[in-house]
Amino acid sequence: MKNLLLTLATISLTALAPIQEASAHVSYLDLINPAFKTTNAESSIYTVNSAGEFLGNFGWADAADGDWGDSHHGGWAKFEITNADGAFIDLSVFTDGKVVIHPEFGVLKTNDLTPAFTIYSGVVPDLAFEEFSNVPAGKGGAWNALGNTFMGNDEGDSGTITYLTHVRQNQNNLQNTIALNNYWLAQGTYSVVLGGDSALAAANPDDDIIPRGYGIKLTVTDVTAVPVPAAIWLMMGGLMSLLGMQKSKMVA
């Protein structure tokens, strides 16, 4: 069974090489890309319906346990907040909905991803991976989904991304889409590292190596662009009226 899965995985990686991330070292998808962008009156919206894929449905769950996880089983994206006053973001991660069937070898890609993701401040060097990341003895990889993550590459570059927050699955109610809404970030560069959050798959990773595809939607609303609710204006108007009345009484 394992040999068959390994064969399928190898074929899948070859067939889907142009977008495959699972077999490579850290390679960031830059979410702030004009090709992904739409706008409304207040926000910039970046949507990538087919952002990439990774092997298995367990990478994030594995990185969230005590011995961390392998960075090759996650997807890596980054974005920059340029507004000096910071911005509010909405970020969702979802299955790309695609299933690939090979007539001879069977399923090469499935659409049953149960995603989770972590947001970090900063980025690690391009092409970073475990061999040059000083992974402590006893750890399963360099990726810590619930804490800071240090990684380096074979060019001697290294860096630490600082854990900020995460969103994960409810194992009793697994979903194909998860989201973080109205989260404020200061000016700076951020990493999003995501993967599968299936506890069942994490318990048997060798039996769950068929790729899953994912997409990302990021909405950025600069603080200065956030409209003041009408109720606030009404309250301020009422306060100004009261102050005016008090001033009139004092003058009288």
Foldseek 3Di string as FASTA:
>chain_A
DLVLVVVLQVVLCVVPVVQAQLVFFADADEQPDPVQWDDDQFKIKGKDLFRGKHFFQAALVLCADPQGAWLSQKHKYKYFFAFQAWWWKKKKKFFSQDWDADPPSGTQEDRPHQKKKWKWFDDWDPRWGFVAFCRDPPHHTQRRRQAKGKTDHPVGGIDITGTDDMDGADQVDGDRMDMDGGHTDHGHMMMMMMGHNHPVCNVPVSVTTRMTTMMMMMMIGHPVSDDDDPVVVVVVVVVVVVVVVVVVVVVD
